[in-house]
Amino acid sequence: MSGHSKWATIKHKKAANDKARGKLFAKLLRQVEVAAREGGGDPETNPTLRTMFQKARDNSIPLDTIERAVKRGTGELEGVTYSQMTYEGYAPGSVAVMVEVLTDNRNRTGAEVRNIFTKNGGSISEPGAVAWQFARTGQIIVPRSVDEDELMLAAADAGAEDIIDDGDSWRVTTAPTDLHAVRTALDTAEIPVDSSDLTMVPSTTVALDTTEAAKKVLRLIDALDDHDDVQAVHANFDIPDTILETVEAG
């Protein structure tokens, strides 16, 4: 997963530009709205809302903006009704891909996602063809400057499963239900956090050991990620650092 994790970090940095940031804000607020609609507007009793609320705050979305999204979800303010859907498929090189979307038009979004796969050398699969290769996991990204022993002490005591050195950062993994407790423990210990979220972690990875292979897969991943209705893209590729640096530079 190192290559995939590093690519996610690169994307996070690129999202600092105004256009990408505006699109990210819209996606996060949609996630907050749907979480509130499905589980209620109280983060203390709605774990999904609590996670999305924290994710929005981590990305510097103003509190009142988030609260308005919650109210749209609970019906206190008028809003659009979104449906959650997951598409499964393959990128070039038999890389498994899962695409999570929130849409107000299933037919339109389904056709557009299928078109993105086709145009970029991939293919849509039947439901279940890819999902078995992934497991929902809590993931917290911590700056590499944090002392490993200090991080391990705070995270392990709160129920973290593992701490992984990704080179530029630490990746703390948790069971989905333990994400909030571990994040709270890190905040209490005054350990800085770059991001915390629920993600899909693959059980096996496909090595992309040429620049061309990496470019083909990342072209599809980026095109999917750029779609307004797509909330998250998960894939089981692994790209060596040297190749990833070449792709990023190009």
Protein backbone atom coordinates (compact mmCIF):
# COMPACT_ATOMS: atom_id res chain seq x y z
CA MET A 1 0.00 0.00 0.00
CA SER A 2 2.98 2.37 0.30
CA GLY A 3 2.76 3.60 -3.27
CA HIS A 4 -0.98 4.12 -3.00
CA SER A 5 -0.67 5.90 0.35
CA LYS A 6 2.04 8.17 -0.97
CA TRP A 7 -0.11 9.06 -3.99
CA ALA A 8 -2.98 9.94 -1.62
CA THR A 9 -0.61 12.26 0.26
CA ILE A 10 0.43 13.93 -3.00
CA LYS A 11 -3.23 14.44 -3.94
CA HIS A 12 -3.89 15.93 -0.50
CA LYS A 13 -1.15 18.52 -1.08
CA LYS A 14 -2.42 19.32 -4.57
CA ALA A 15 -5.88 19.96 -3.14
CA ALA A 16 -4.51 23.13 -1.54
CA ASN A 17 -5.16 25.11 -4.72
CA ASP A 18 -8.43 27.07 -4.73
CA LYS A 19 -10.25 25.16 -7.49
CA ALA A 20 -9.47 21.73 -6.02
CA ARG A 21 -10.24 22.99 -2.52
CA GLY A 22 -13.68 24.22 -3.59
CA LYS A 23 -14.49 20.83 -5.11
CA LEU A 24 -13.22 19.03 -1.98
CA PHE A 25 -15.38 21.24 0.27
CA ALA A 26 -18.48 20.41 -1.79
CA LYS A 27 -17.78 16.67 -1.58
CA LEU A 28 -17.15 16.73 2.16
CA LEU A 29 -20.30 18.74 2.87
CA ARG A 30 -22.31 16.26 0.82
CA GLN A 31 -20.90 13.44 2.99
CA VAL A 32 -21.86 15.33 6.15
CA GLU A 33 -25.37 15.89 4.82
CA VAL A 34 -25.95 12.24 3.93
CA ALA A 35 -24.52 11.02 7.26
CA ALA A 36 -26.92 13.32 9.14
CA ARG A 37 -29.89 12.21 7.03
CA GLU A 38 -29.20 8.51 7.62
CA GLY A 39 -28.15 8.53 11.26
CA GLY A 40 -29.40 11.77 12.80
CA GLY A 41 -27.79 15.13 13.43
CA ASP A 42 -26.01 14.38 16.72
CA PRO A 43 -22.34 13.39 16.21
CA GLU A 44 -22.26 11.78 19.65
CA THR A 45 -24.83 9.17 18.64
CA ASN A 46 -23.99 9.00 14.92
CA PRO A 47 -20.44 7.65 14.41
CA THR A 48 -20.51 8.22 10.64
CA LEU A 49 -21.49 11.86 11.08
CA ARG A 50 -18.81 12.24 13.75
CA THR A 51 -16.16 10.98 11.31
CA MET A 52 -17.37 13.19 8.44
CA PHE A 53 -17.72 16.20 10.73
CA GLN A 54 -14.11 15.75 11.88
CA LYS A 55 -12.94 15.26 8.29
CA ALA A 56 -14.59 18.52 7.27
CA ARG A 57 -13.02 20.36 10.21
CA ASP A 58 -9.59 18.88 9.39
CA ASN A 59 -9.94 20.45 5.94
CA SER A 60 -10.71 23.87 7.45
CA ILE A 61 -14.37 24.04 6.47
CA PRO A 62 -16.06 26.68 8.68
CA LEU A 63 -18.14 25.28 11.53
CA ASP A 64 -21.31 27.14 10.52
CA THR A 65 -21.04 25.73 6.98
CA ILE A 66 -20.80 22.20 8.35
CA GLU A 67 -23.74 22.80 10.69
CA ARG A 68 -25.88 23.99 7.77
CA ALA A 69 -25.04 20.74 5.94
CA VAL A 70 -26.15 18.78 9.01
CA LYS A 71 -29.45 20.70 9.05
CA ARG A 72 -30.01 19.99 5.37
CA GLY A 73 -29.49 16.32 6.15
CA THR A 74 -31.96 16.30 9.05
CA GLY A 75 -34.55 18.28 7.08
CA GLU A 76 -34.30 21.49 9.13
CA LEU A 77 -33.12 23.19 5.93
CA GLU A 78 -34.16 22.36 2.39
CA GLY A 79 -31.67 20.19 0.51
CA VAL A 80 -31.19 17.63 -2.27
CA THR A 81 -31.66 13.91 -1.58
CA TYR A 82 -28.53 11.93 -2.45
CA SER A 83 -28.20 8.19 -2.99
CA GLN A 84 -25.08 6.26 -2.00
CA MET A 85 -23.68 3.88 -4.59
CA THR A 86 -20.48 1.91 -5.08
CA TYR A 87 -19.09 0.95 -8.48
CA GLU A 88 -16.53 -1.79 -8.91
CA GLY A 89 -14.15 -2.32 -11.78
CA TYR A 90 -10.63 -2.75 -13.03
CA ALA A 91 -7.99 -0.27 -14.14
CA PRO A 92 -5.32 -1.21 -16.72
CA GLY A 93 -3.03 -3.96 -15.43
CA SER A 94 -5.87 -5.73 -13.56
CA VAL A 95 -5.80 -3.21 -10.72
CA ALA A 96 -9.00 -3.52 -8.65
CA VAL A 97 -10.93 -0.27 -8.17
CA MET A 98 -13.85 0.69 -5.93
CA VAL A 99 -15.65 4.02 -6.49
CA GLU A 100 -17.95 5.46 -3.82
CA VAL A 101 -20.43 8.06 -5.02
CA LEU A 102 -23.23 10.26 -3.70
CA THR A 103 -25.63 11.28 -6.45
CA ASP A 104 -29.04 12.81 -7.03
CA ASN A 105 -29.26 11.06 -10.44
CA ARG A 106 -28.22 7.40 -10.46
CA ASN A 107 -28.59 6.91 -14.21
CA ARG A 108 -26.50 9.94 -15.13
CA THR A 109 -23.73 9.18 -12.66
CA GLY A 110 -23.63 5.49 -13.56
CA ALA A 111 -23.24 6.28 -17.25
CA GLU A 112 -20.55 8.88 -16.56
CA VAL A 113 -18.53 6.59 -14.27
CA ARG A 114 -18.72 3.78 -16.83
CA ASN A 115 -17.55 6.19 -19.53
CA ILE A 116 -14.56 7.28 -17.43
CA PHE A 117 -13.51 3.65 -16.99
CA THR A 118 -13.86 2.93 -20.71
CA LYS A 119 -12.07 6.08 -21.90
CA ASN A 120 -9.11 5.34 -19.64
CA GLY A 121 -8.58 1.67 -20.48
CA GLY A 122 -10.55 0.22 -17.58
CA SER A 123 -13.81 -1.69 -17.25
CA ILE A 124 -16.81 -1.81 -14.92
CA SER A 125 -17.47 -5.11 -13.13
CA GLU A 126 -20.52 -6.69 -11.54
CA PRO A 127 -21.22 -5.86 -7.86
CA GLY A 128 -19.07 -8.05 -5.61
CA ALA A 129 -16.39 -8.75 -8.21
CA VAL A 130 -13.90 -6.45 -6.52
CA ALA A 131 -15.28 -5.68 -3.04
CA TRP A 132 -14.05 -8.95 -1.51
CA GLN A 133 -10.47 -7.73 -1.94
CA PHE A 134 -10.97 -4.74 0.38
CA ALA A 135 -11.74 -4.22 4.07
CA ARG A 136 -13.11 -1.05 5.68
CA THR A 137 -10.42 0.39 7.96
CA GLY A 138 -9.91 3.51 10.05
CA GLN A 139 -6.81 5.44 9.02
CA ILE A 140 -5.10 8.41 10.66
CA ILE A 141 -2.19 10.20 9.00
CA VAL A 142 0.32 11.77 11.39
CA PRO A 143 3.38 13.91 10.48
CA ARG A 144 6.65 11.99 10.35
CA SER A 145 8.16 14.49 12.80
CA VAL A 146 6.13 12.94 15.64
CA ASP A 147 8.16 10.61 17.87
CA GLU A 148 7.28 6.99 17.14
CA ASP A 149 7.28 5.88 20.77
CA GLU A 150 5.03 8.76 21.79
CA LEU A 151 2.64 7.99 18.95
CA MET A 152 2.63 4.28 19.70
CA LEU A 153 1.86 4.83 23.37
CA ALA A 154 -1.10 7.12 22.72
CA ALA A 155 -2.50 5.15 19.78
CA ALA A 156 -2.10 1.63 21.16
CA ASP A 157 -3.75 2.49 24.46
CA ALA A 158 -6.81 3.73 22.55
CA GLY A 159 -7.09 0.57 20.45
CA ALA A 160 -5.03 1.22 17.30
CA GLU A 161 -4.22 -1.89 15.28
CA ASP A 162 -0.95 -0.82 13.66
CA ILE A 163 1.42 2.09 13.02
CA ILE A 164 3.04 2.10 9.58
CA ASP A 165 5.99 4.17 8.43
CA ASP A 166 5.06 5.68 5.04
CA GLY A 167 8.30 7.63 4.75
CA ASP A 168 6.88 11.15 4.87
CA SER A 169 4.27 10.33 7.52
CA TRP A 170 2.97 7.76 9.99
CA ARG A 171 -0.21 5.84 9.11
CA VAL A 172 -2.20 4.64 12.13
CA THR A 173 -4.78 1.96 11.31
CA THR A 174 -7.79 1.08 13.44
CA ALA A 175 -10.97 -0.94 13.35
CA PRO A 176 -13.75 1.28 11.92
CA THR A 177 -15.44 1.50 15.31
CA ASP A 178 -12.21 2.58 17.04
CA LEU A 179 -11.30 5.46 14.72
CA HIS A 180 -12.92 8.15 16.87
CA ALA A 181 -11.40 6.85 20.11
CA VAL A 182 -7.88 6.73 18.64
CA ARG A 183 -8.24 10.16 17.05
CA THR A 184 -9.48 11.58 20.37
CA ALA A 185 -6.52 10.00 22.18
CA LEU A 186 -4.06 11.61 19.76
CA ASP A 187 -5.76 15.00 20.16
CA THR A 188 -5.63 14.63 23.95
CA ALA A 189 -1.91 13.80 23.74
CA GLU A 190 -1.49 16.93 21.55
CA ILE A 191 -0.18 14.84 18.66
CA PRO A 192 -0.83 16.64 15.35
CA VAL A 193 -3.01 14.86 12.80
CA ASP A 194 -2.99 15.54 9.06
CA SER A 195 -6.17 13.56 8.38
CA SER A 196 -8.41 10.83 9.75
CA ASP A 197 -10.96 8.87 7.76
CA LEU A 198 -12.50 5.50 7.00
CA THR A 199 -11.00 3.92 3.91
CA MET A 200 -10.93 0.62 2.05
CA VAL A 201 -7.64 -1.26 2.42
CA PRO A 202 -6.82 -4.03 -0.09
CA SER A 203 -5.75 -7.49 1.08
CA THR A 204 -3.28 -7.80 -1.81
CA THR A 205 -1.66 -5.27 -4.15
CA VAL A 206 -0.68 -5.13 -7.81
CA ALA A 207 2.84 -3.80 -8.41
CA LEU A 208 3.13 -1.14 -11.13
CA ASP A 209 6.84 -1.25 -11.87
CA THR A 210 7.02 0.87 -15.02
CA THR A 211 6.29 4.55 -15.51
CA GLU A 212 3.84 3.82 -18.33
CA ALA A 213 1.84 1.31 -16.26
CA ALA A 214 1.67 3.76 -13.36
CA LYS A 215 0.54 6.62 -15.61
CA LYS A 216 -2.27 4.55 -17.12
CA VAL A 217 -3.68 3.59 -13.73
CA LEU A 218 -3.30 7.04 -12.17
CA ARG A 219 -4.94 8.65 -15.21
CA LEU A 220 -8.07 6.60 -14.51
CA ILE A 221 -7.93 7.15 -10.75
CA ASP A 222 -7.57 10.93 -11.19
CA ALA A 223 -10.40 11.10 -13.75
CA LEU A 224 -12.73 9.26 -11.37
CA ASP A 225 -11.63 11.36 -8.40
CA ASP A 226 -12.31 14.54 -10.37
CA HIS A 227 -15.99 13.67 -10.92
CA ASP A 228 -18.25 15.82 -8.74
CA ASP A 229 -20.33 12.87 -7.49
CA VAL A 230 -17.35 10.64 -6.63
CA GLN A 231 -16.54 10.78 -2.91
CA ALA A 232 -13.69 8.27 -2.75
CA VAL A 233 -11.70 6.00 -5.04
CA HIS A 234 -9.95 2.92 -3.64
CA ALA A 235 -7.53 0.74 -5.60
CA ASN A 236 -5.00 -2.00 -4.90
CA PHE A 237 -2.01 -0.68 -6.84
CA ASP A 238 1.48 -0.22 -5.40
CA ILE A 239 3.97 2.07 -7.14
CA PRO A 240 7.67 2.18 -6.18
CA ASP A 241 8.76 5.59 -4.91
CA THR A 242 11.19 6.13 -7.79
CA ILE A 243 8.47 5.60 -10.39
CA LEU A 244 5.96 7.69 -8.46
CA GLU A 245 8.44 10.56 -8.33
CA THR A 246 8.94 10.30 -12.10
CA VAL A 247 5.18 10.34 -12.70
CA GLU A 248 4.68 13.32 -10.37
CA ALA A 249 7.51 15.26 -12.02
CA GLY A 250 6.06 14.59 -15.47
